[in-house]
Protein backbone atom coordinates (compact mmCIF):
# COMPACT_ATOMS: atom_id res chain seq x y z
CA MET A 1 104.46 150.44 112.28
CA LYS A 2 101.61 147.78 112.14
CA ARG A 3 99.67 146.56 109.15
CA ARG A 4 96.55 148.47 107.96
CA THR A 5 93.44 147.06 109.83
CA ASP A 6 90.53 148.10 107.90
CA ALA A 7 90.79 144.61 106.32
CA PRO A 8 87.67 143.74 103.88
CA ALA A 9 86.05 140.58 104.61
CA ASP A 10 86.92 137.13 103.04
CA ARG A 11 83.20 136.78 101.59
CA GLY A 12 82.34 133.34 101.49
CA TYR A 13 85.80 132.40 102.51
CA LEU A 14 86.76 132.37 98.83
CA VAL A 15 90.44 132.87 99.46
CA GLY A 16 90.60 130.25 101.64
CA VAL A 17 88.97 127.87 99.24
CA PHE A 18 91.23 129.10 96.55
CA PHE A 19 94.56 128.79 98.62
CA PHE A 20 93.33 125.12 99.42
CA ILE A 21 92.87 124.47 95.91
CA LEU A 22 96.36 125.99 94.98
CA GLY A 23 97.94 123.63 97.82
CA LEU A 24 96.17 120.95 96.45
CA GLY A 25 97.74 121.67 93.07
CA THR A 26 101.14 122.15 94.05
CA LEU A 27 101.55 118.22 94.97
CA LEU A 28 99.57 116.67 92.10
CA PRO A 29 102.40 115.77 90.07
CA TRP A 30 104.56 114.00 92.73
CA ASN A 31 101.40 112.38 94.16
CA PHE A 32 99.99 111.17 90.79
CA PHE A 33 102.90 109.70 89.47
CA MET A 34 103.87 108.05 92.62
CA THR A 35 100.35 106.35 92.92
CA ALA A 36 100.30 104.84 89.51
CA SER A 37 103.35 102.78 89.90
CA LEU A 38 101.50 100.01 89.18
CA TYR A 39 100.45 101.25 85.60
CA PHE A 40 104.11 102.41 84.72
CA GLN A 41 105.72 98.80 85.97
CA GLY A 42 102.96 96.90 83.95
CA ARG A 43 104.00 98.78 80.83
CA LEU A 44 107.80 98.35 81.58
CA ASN A 45 108.52 95.01 83.50
CA LYS A 46 107.28 92.77 80.39
CA THR A 47 108.83 89.49 80.18
CA GLU A 48 110.66 88.92 77.00
CA TRP A 49 112.05 85.74 75.26
CA SER A 50 115.62 85.25 74.43
CA ASN A 51 116.87 82.05 73.27
CA GLY A 52 113.95 80.18 74.66
CA THR A 53 114.90 81.68 78.12
CA ALA A 54 112.12 84.24 79.66
CA VAL A 55 114.11 87.20 80.44
CA GLN A 56 112.80 90.17 82.49
CA LYS A 57 114.21 93.74 82.45
CA GLU A 58 114.00 95.60 85.61
CA TYR A 59 113.63 99.32 85.30
CA PHE A 60 113.58 100.18 89.14
CA PHE A 61 110.71 102.58 88.34
CA ASN A 62 109.80 103.48 91.72
CA ASN A 63 113.49 104.23 92.64
CA TRP A 64 113.99 106.49 89.71
CA MET A 65 110.86 108.11 89.77
CA THR A 66 111.50 109.32 93.68
CA LEU A 67 115.05 110.37 92.72
CA LEU A 68 113.78 112.50 89.78
CA SER A 69 110.88 114.03 91.56
CA GLN A 70 113.32 115.03 94.56
CA LEU A 71 116.60 116.32 92.74
CA PRO A 72 114.32 119.46 91.19
CA LEU A 73 113.35 120.28 94.48
CA LEU A 74 116.81 120.50 95.94
CA LEU A 75 118.27 122.39 92.85
CA PHE A 76 115.34 125.05 92.63
CA THR A 77 115.86 125.40 96.62
CA LEU A 78 119.18 126.43 95.97
CA LEU A 79 118.46 128.77 92.94
CA ASN A 80 115.42 130.21 94.03
CA SER A 81 116.66 133.69 95.02
CA ILE A 82 118.24 133.79 91.60
CA LEU A 83 115.11 132.70 90.02
CA TYR A 84 112.41 134.59 91.99
CA GLN A 85 114.44 137.99 91.59
CA ARG A 86 114.11 137.44 88.02
CA ILE A 87 110.92 136.07 86.85
CA SER A 88 107.52 137.82 87.81
CA GLU A 89 105.39 136.14 90.52
CA ALA A 90 102.52 135.78 87.65
CA MET A 91 104.94 133.97 85.23
CA ARG A 92 106.16 131.68 87.85
CA ILE A 93 103.01 130.64 89.03
CA ALA A 94 100.75 130.65 86.06
CA GLY A 95 103.65 129.55 83.50
CA SER A 96 104.53 126.75 86.00
CA LEU A 97 100.90 125.42 86.08
CA VAL A 98 100.47 125.74 82.30
CA PHE A 99 103.72 123.65 81.90
CA ILE A 100 102.48 121.06 84.21
CA LEU A 101 99.23 120.83 82.61
CA LEU A 102 100.57 119.86 79.12
CA LEU A 103 103.12 117.61 80.43
CA PHE A 104 99.75 115.92 82.24
CA ILE A 105 98.39 115.87 78.78
CA LEU A 106 101.29 114.21 77.55
CA THR A 107 101.08 111.74 79.91
CA ALA A 108 97.58 110.88 79.55
CA VAL A 109 97.98 110.68 75.77
CA LEU A 110 100.89 108.23 76.18
CA VAL A 111 98.27 105.77 77.83
CA LYS A 112 96.97 105.01 74.13
CA VAL A 113 100.50 105.32 72.34
CA PRO A 114 102.13 101.96 71.71
CA MET A 115 105.87 102.23 72.59
CA GLU A 116 108.89 100.40 73.01
CA GLU A 117 109.50 99.82 76.73
CA ASP A 118 113.21 101.86 77.09
CA ARG A 119 111.84 104.77 75.23
CA PHE A 120 108.62 104.67 77.19
CA PHE A 121 110.94 104.88 80.33
CA SER A 122 113.14 107.53 78.69
CA VAL A 123 109.93 109.68 78.09
CA THR A 124 108.43 108.83 81.62
CA MET A 125 111.45 109.93 83.36
CA ALA A 126 111.96 113.16 81.29
CA THR A 127 108.33 114.09 82.15
CA ILE A 128 108.75 113.35 85.79
CA TRP A 129 111.78 115.72 85.84
CA PHE A 130 110.60 118.56 84.29
CA ILE A 131 106.87 118.48 85.74
CA ASN A 132 108.71 118.33 89.19
CA SER A 133 111.12 121.16 88.08
CA PHE A 134 107.81 123.40 87.51
CA GLY A 135 106.07 122.04 90.68
CA ALA A 136 108.99 123.13 92.81
CA VAL A 137 108.91 126.61 91.33
CA LEU A 138 105.20 126.63 91.62
CA GLN A 139 105.57 125.55 95.38
CA GLY A 140 108.02 128.27 96.50
CA SER A 141 106.15 131.03 94.73
CA LEU A 142 103.04 130.14 96.52
CA PHE A 143 104.48 130.00 99.60
CA GLY A 144 105.59 133.18 99.24
CA LEU A 145 102.39 134.62 98.26
CA VAL A 146 100.36 132.97 101.01
CA GLY A 147 102.89 134.29 103.30
CA LEU A 148 101.56 137.54 102.90
CA LEU A 149 98.08 136.77 104.21
CA PRO A 150 96.94 136.09 107.54
CA GLN A 151 98.52 132.98 109.49
CA LYS A 152 95.50 130.75 109.01
CA TYR A 153 95.56 130.87 105.15
CA SER A 154 99.08 129.37 105.39
CA ALA A 155 97.70 126.60 107.27
CA ILE A 156 94.91 126.27 104.77
CA PHE A 157 97.67 126.03 102.01
CA MET A 158 99.50 123.25 103.90
CA SER A 159 96.09 121.42 104.19
CA GLY A 160 95.45 120.99 100.65
CA GLN A 161 98.92 119.91 100.08
CA GLY A 162 98.64 117.31 103.02
CA LEU A 163 95.51 115.87 101.17
CA ALA A 164 96.96 116.07 97.61
CA GLY A 165 98.29 112.10 98.26
CA THR A 166 95.02 111.06 99.55
CA PHE A 167 93.32 112.44 96.52
CA ALA A 168 95.52 110.81 94.17
CA ALA A 169 95.22 107.64 96.16
CA ILE A 170 91.20 107.94 96.00
CA ALA A 171 91.58 108.62 92.19
CA MET A 172 93.61 105.36 91.64
CA LEU A 173 90.95 103.36 93.71
CA ILE A 174 88.21 104.67 91.61
CA ALA A 175 89.96 104.10 88.09
CA ILE A 176 90.91 100.25 89.50
CA ALA A 177 87.30 99.68 90.49
CA SER A 178 85.74 100.87 87.21
CA GLU A 179 84.82 98.22 84.97
CA THR A 180 86.76 99.48 81.84
CA ASP A 181 89.50 97.64 80.65
CA SER A 182 93.08 99.25 82.38
CA GLU A 183 94.21 101.25 79.35
CA THR A 184 90.80 103.09 79.55
CA ALA A 185 91.11 103.13 83.32
CA ALA A 186 94.92 104.48 83.21
CA LEU A 187 93.65 107.25 80.86
CA GLY A 188 90.83 108.29 83.27
CA TYR A 189 93.13 108.46 85.81
CA PHE A 190 95.33 110.77 84.41
CA VAL A 191 93.04 112.85 82.73
CA THR A 192 92.06 113.57 86.34
CA PRO A 193 95.23 115.78 87.28
CA CYS A 194 94.64 117.71 83.64
CA VAL A 195 91.45 118.64 84.99
CA GLY A 196 92.60 119.29 88.70
CA THR A 197 95.62 121.47 87.50
CA LEU A 198 93.36 123.37 85.19
CA VAL A 199 91.15 124.22 88.15
CA THR A 200 94.22 125.64 90.16
CA LEU A 201 95.37 127.80 87.13
CA ILE A 202 91.72 129.33 87.00
CA SER A 203 91.92 129.59 90.88
CA TYR A 204 95.11 131.53 90.85
CA VAL A 205 93.48 133.77 88.09
CA LEU A 206 90.36 134.45 90.07
CA LEU A 207 92.33 134.87 93.36
CA SER A 208 93.82 138.29 91.84
CA ARG A 209 89.89 139.79 91.77
CA LEU A 210 89.19 139.00 95.19
CA GLU A 211 88.68 142.26 96.94
CA PHE A 212 90.40 140.48 100.29
CA ALA A 213 93.33 138.90 98.26
CA GLN A 214 93.82 142.25 96.67
CA TYR A 215 94.28 144.08 99.78
CA TYR A 216 96.85 141.94 101.38
CA LEU A 217 98.70 141.26 97.92
CA ASP A 218 98.64 145.13 97.07
CA LYS A 219 97.20 144.10 93.56
CA SER A 220 94.38 146.72 93.60
CA SER A 221 94.88 150.45 93.08
CA LYS A 222 92.35 150.83 95.57
CA TYR A 223 94.30 150.28 98.48
CA GLU A 224 97.22 151.69 96.95
CA ALA A 225 96.53 155.52 97.87
CA GLY A 226 97.50 156.57 100.87
CA THR A 227 99.88 153.53 101.48
CA THR A 228 103.09 154.94 99.43
CA ASP A 229 104.55 156.23 102.75
CA GLU A 230 104.08 152.51 104.45
CA LEU A 231 105.87 151.09 101.53
CA LEU A 232 108.75 153.33 101.49
CA THR A 233 109.23 153.09 105.01
CA GLU A 234 109.16 149.18 105.01
CA SER A 235 111.74 149.21 102.43
CA SER A 236 114.11 151.92 103.65
CA THR A 237 116.09 149.22 105.27
CA GLU A 238 117.03 148.00 101.82
CA ASN A 239 119.36 151.19 100.75
CA GLY A 240 116.17 153.21 100.22
CA LYS A 241 114.83 151.00 97.43
CA VAL A 242 111.34 149.25 97.25
CA ASN A 243 112.24 145.60 97.96
CA GLY A 244 108.87 143.57 96.97
CA HIS A 245 107.47 141.19 94.70
CA ALA A 246 107.39 141.18 91.22
CA ASN A 247 103.45 142.28 91.43
CA GLY A 248 104.34 145.17 93.82
CA SER A 249 103.46 143.73 96.80
CA VAL A 250 105.80 144.36 99.81
CA PRO A 251 105.57 141.98 103.08
CA GLY A 252 105.89 143.40 106.24
CA SER A 253 109.29 142.47 107.32
CA ALA A 254 109.97 139.50 105.11
CA THR A 255 111.61 139.80 101.48
CA LYS A 256 109.99 137.54 98.76
CA ASP A 257 112.67 134.89 99.08
CA SER A 258 112.30 134.74 102.87
CA SER A 259 108.83 134.48 102.88
CA THR A 260 108.97 131.33 100.76
CA GLY A 261 110.53 129.37 103.34
CA GLU A 262 109.25 130.91 106.44
CA ALA A 263 105.67 130.42 105.12
CA GLU A 264 106.26 126.45 104.98
CA VAL A 265 108.44 126.25 108.17
CA ASP A 266 105.93 128.19 110.50
CA PRO A 267 102.48 126.58 109.83
CA HIS A 268 101.69 127.73 113.17
CA PRO A 269 101.08 130.85 115.24
CA SER A 270 103.63 131.94 117.75
CA PRO A 271 103.09 131.75 121.54
CA ASP A 272 101.49 135.03 121.83
CA GLY A 273 99.03 134.40 118.80
CA THR A 274 101.03 136.52 116.13
CA LYS A 275 102.88 135.49 113.22
CA GLN A 276 106.50 136.10 113.02
CA SER A 277 106.80 137.99 109.77
CA PHE A 278 104.37 140.51 110.65
CA LEU A 279 106.07 141.85 113.78
CA PRO A 280 105.63 145.69 114.33
CA LEU A 281 108.19 147.34 112.11
CA GLU A 282 110.10 148.97 115.03
CA GLN A 283 111.06 145.67 116.43
CA ALA A 284 113.03 145.31 113.05
CA GLU A 285 114.28 148.86 112.76
CA LYS A 286 116.58 148.77 116.31
CA GLY A 287 119.40 148.67 114.39
CA GLN A 288 120.27 145.03 115.10
CA ALA A 289 121.93 143.34 112.55
CA LYS A 290 120.83 139.88 110.81
CA ALA A 291 122.96 136.91 112.25
CA SER A 292 124.99 135.08 109.59
CA VAL A 293 123.79 131.76 108.21
CA ILE A 294 126.65 129.93 110.12
CA GLU A 295 125.32 131.77 113.54
CA VAL A 296 121.67 130.47 112.86
CA PHE A 297 122.86 126.94 111.82
CA LYS A 298 124.44 126.52 115.02
CA LYS A 299 121.23 127.38 116.84
CA ILE A 300 118.73 125.53 114.95
CA TRP A 301 121.49 122.41 113.71
CA VAL A 302 119.39 120.00 115.88
CA MET A 303 116.06 120.95 114.05
CA ALA A 304 117.92 120.54 110.57
CA PHE A 305 119.41 117.25 111.27
CA CYS A 306 115.68 116.04 112.69
CA VAL A 307 114.14 117.27 109.15
CA THR A 308 117.15 115.57 107.03
CA PHE A 309 116.66 112.70 108.94
CA VAL A 310 113.16 112.04 108.86
CA PHE A 311 112.69 112.32 105.38
CA THR A 312 116.02 110.46 104.64
CA VAL A 313 114.19 107.16 106.31
CA THR A 314 110.71 108.10 104.67
CA LEU A 315 111.77 108.05 101.08
CA SER A 316 114.61 105.40 101.39
CA VAL A 317 111.73 102.68 101.75
CA PHE A 318 108.61 104.69 100.56
CA PRO A 319 107.53 104.01 97.68
CA ALA A 320 110.47 102.23 96.47
CA VAL A 321 110.02 99.52 98.67
CA THR A 322 106.82 99.66 100.05
CA ALA A 323 105.01 99.84 96.55
CA ASP A 324 106.68 96.25 95.92
CA VAL A 325 104.88 94.52 98.73
CA LYS A 326 102.55 91.84 98.07
CA THR A 327 99.27 90.83 99.56
CA SER A 328 98.85 87.77 101.59
CA SER A 329 95.10 87.39 100.26
CA PRO A 330 95.11 87.12 96.37
CA GLY A 331 91.96 87.72 94.85
CA ASN A 332 90.00 90.64 93.85
CA TRP A 333 91.54 92.26 96.88
CA GLU A 334 94.93 92.02 95.10
CA ARG A 335 93.78 94.92 92.87
CA PHE A 336 93.23 97.42 95.69
CA PHE A 337 95.83 96.45 98.09
CA ILE A 338 98.82 98.78 97.23
CA SER A 339 96.36 101.53 96.61
CA VAL A 340 94.68 101.32 100.03
CA CYS A 341 97.63 99.81 102.24
CA CYS A 342 100.66 101.63 100.77
CA PHE A 343 99.68 105.00 99.32
CA LEU A 344 96.01 105.67 101.19
CA ILE A 345 97.30 104.62 104.38
CA PHE A 346 100.63 106.56 103.92
CA ASN A 347 98.86 109.86 103.13
CA LEU A 348 96.23 109.84 105.29
CA GLY A 349 98.73 109.31 108.43
CA ASP A 350 101.19 111.94 107.00
CA TRP A 351 98.48 114.27 106.95
CA LEU A 352 97.26 113.49 110.14
CA GLY A 353 100.41 113.53 112.08
CA ARG A 354 101.14 116.99 110.54
CA THR A 355 97.39 117.75 112.01
CA ILE A 356 98.05 116.84 115.58
CA THR A 357 100.95 119.18 116.07
CA THR A 358 97.95 121.76 116.40
CA VAL A 359 97.32 120.64 119.53
CA ILE A 360 100.22 118.56 120.64
CA HIS A 361 104.00 119.83 121.03
CA TRP A 362 105.83 117.20 122.45
CA PRO A 363 108.46 116.29 122.91
CA ARG A 364 109.77 120.17 123.29
CA LYS A 365 111.91 121.86 121.51
CA GLU A 366 114.71 121.80 124.30
CA SER A 367 114.24 118.29 124.96
CA ARG A 368 116.92 115.59 124.13
CA ILE A 369 114.08 113.19 123.57
CA PHE A 370 112.95 114.51 120.56
CA PRO A 371 115.98 113.99 118.19
CA ALA A 372 116.16 110.33 119.88
CA LEU A 373 112.86 109.49 118.94
CA VAL A 374 113.57 110.85 115.33
CA VAL A 375 116.55 108.60 115.06
CA SER A 376 114.62 105.89 116.28
CA ARG A 377 112.47 105.80 113.06
CA VAL A 378 115.40 104.14 111.27
CA ILE A 379 113.73 100.96 112.63
CA PHE A 380 111.05 101.28 110.03
CA VAL A 381 113.75 100.60 107.48
CA PRO A 382 114.23 96.86 108.28
CA LEU A 383 110.41 96.60 109.06
CA LEU A 384 109.16 97.34 106.15
CA MET A 385 112.16 95.22 104.00
CA LEU A 386 111.23 92.47 105.93
CA CYS A 387 107.44 92.48 104.91
CA ASN A 388 106.20 90.41 101.69
CA VAL A 389 108.49 92.71 99.40
CA GLN A 390 108.44 90.76 95.89
CA ILE A 391 110.74 89.93 94.34
CA ARG A 392 113.28 89.64 96.74
CA SER A 393 116.86 87.90 96.34
CA ASN A 394 118.59 88.10 99.84
CA LEU A 395 116.08 89.00 103.30
CA PRO A 396 113.23 86.33 104.52
CA VAL A 397 109.42 87.62 104.81
CA TYR A 398 108.80 88.11 108.72
CA PHE A 399 105.81 90.27 108.07
CA GLY A 400 103.75 88.37 105.64
CA HIS A 401 100.17 89.31 106.57
CA ASP A 402 98.40 92.38 105.12
CA ALA A 403 97.62 93.29 108.70
CA ALA A 404 101.21 93.92 109.90
CA PHE A 405 102.30 95.78 106.75
CA ALA A 406 99.21 98.19 107.13
CA THR A 407 99.94 98.52 111.26
CA ILE A 408 103.60 99.30 110.25
CA MET A 409 102.69 101.83 107.35
CA ILE A 410 100.00 103.69 109.90
CA LEU A 411 102.81 104.12 112.45
CA PHE A 412 105.66 105.13 109.84
CA SER A 413 103.24 107.51 108.07
CA LEU A 414 102.26 109.16 111.51
CA SER A 415 105.37 109.60 112.75
CA SER A 416 106.82 111.27 109.32
CA GLY A 417 104.11 113.81 109.19
CA TYR A 418 104.30 114.64 112.87
CA PHE A 419 108.06 115.00 113.11
CA VAL A 420 108.56 116.67 110.07
CA CYS A 421 105.85 119.57 111.16
CA LEU A 422 107.17 119.81 114.57
CA SER A 423 110.87 120.22 113.61
CA MET A 424 109.54 122.50 110.62
CA SER A 425 107.88 124.96 113.22
CA TYR A 426 110.28 124.74 116.31
CA ALA A 427 113.30 125.90 114.09
CA PRO A 428 112.22 129.59 113.75
CA GLN A 429 111.44 129.64 117.58
CA LEU A 430 114.89 128.82 118.16
CA VAL A 431 116.38 132.19 116.98
CA GLU A 432 115.25 135.67 117.37
CA PRO A 433 112.55 137.04 115.15
CA LYS A 434 114.95 138.80 113.23
CA ASP A 435 116.86 135.93 112.06
CA ALA A 436 113.10 133.35 111.67
CA GLU A 437 113.62 134.13 107.88
CA THR A 438 117.41 132.80 107.84
CA ALA A 439 116.25 129.75 109.71
CA GLY A 440 113.20 129.00 107.53
CA ALA A 441 115.31 129.07 104.47
CA LEU A 442 117.97 126.82 105.98
CA MET A 443 114.82 124.55 107.17
CA THR A 444 113.45 124.46 103.45
CA PHE A 445 117.12 123.44 102.09
CA PHE A 446 117.58 120.71 104.65
CA LEU A 447 114.19 119.36 103.81
CA ALA A 448 114.75 119.21 100.24
CA LEU A 449 118.28 117.66 101.16
CA GLY A 450 116.72 114.84 103.28
CA LEU A 451 114.25 114.02 100.31
CA SER A 452 117.07 113.57 97.87
CA ILE A 453 119.34 111.74 100.20
CA GLY A 454 116.39 109.25 100.91
CA ALA A 455 115.38 109.01 97.21
CA ALA A 456 119.39 108.10 96.57
CA LEU A 457 119.29 105.54 99.36
CA SER A 458 116.25 103.68 97.94
CA PHE A 459 118.33 101.91 95.23
CA PRO A 460 120.57 99.80 97.67
CA LEU A 461 118.00 99.26 100.06
CA ARG A 462 115.67 98.06 97.35
CA ALA A 463 118.54 95.71 95.86
CA LEU A 464 119.21 94.16 99.42
CA VAL A 465 115.96 92.96 99.55
């Protein structure tokens, strides 16, 4: 049985626009806190005098910010099957956005509130933990939602995510370039994600009112008549019970939980141009039992290793090491250096690397060259540590010029985006269609694991510099 073919048109491509905004909104918290590292370091790393001696307490903000941003992703990846069954989709998405908005408002208010450094650090770390916890729930829920629509909407959603970092970097550049004092500029910077999150919430509310979205998400009673048999048939494999989303929708052959992982790991169409989660029902009902997690892992372990290793390398030095690089041309350029050469270049390169995979798929998934190239990215760790990172205690500076740092960052970010996207899209192709959901969930876990390992490694690597 195939999906209904009498789908209404996406008038004005509004559904696509809303999912782009939703994708942008999911990664605003991580990117706005990361890009504002100079603001936080300015408030924390202040020199104090003790017995006539200058003492500066080091808070390692970038390291802690990275770790406390990625641990919630790993935690909620493990808990998603329990959480998503007990809390409705609307509550998970709208509720998460409301709490993220409130936490951004708190962060903006704190710009104007004088606070002792230790207390400010504690409040900021708690804010980062909670805002990224809600962000993890939001991201997983939206991946499940967009997975119910045609394939191109998953690509649009991920494009929005890919540009979230660029959006944050540009907002920081505008704040720096403004003629206002640093406090007012920081306030304007943090008001921006407040507006962005509010627009994201409005987009989600309006999405349910569009006929095209109602058709695929089954939120409109207009399409419920005459589809009862289809819904019951699609869920017959689940002991005769309707196994759908909390809002009443039922994906073709993917459950609510698995669609989260699948939408993320398969941003490209399969070779025949179809999306694996919408295969004809007859194929899923041939009596074939799904393979165990161990059996699926044995088939995709190379891709699982690759995505883990890529993110381990990336997060071990970005932004904990890269954000502390100083320009070799002090002056007015010094104000923009990190925002441009670190954050803007990385986010544009990462987005471009992911985009390239839509036209280039090399090396092939069976090639031994692929994991070898992934492992070779470890060379970026010493290369970036040997740039002009300040303050440093152990290693010399070999790449002191700004152009050298920018060139390394371009290659670093391009390879990160390219190999991550390639790994995630290859994994479902290595298993039977019936096991693609399990492969997607496993890859999502290893992605989060790589982020967490990289964040933990950033502490000793920064200390080694």
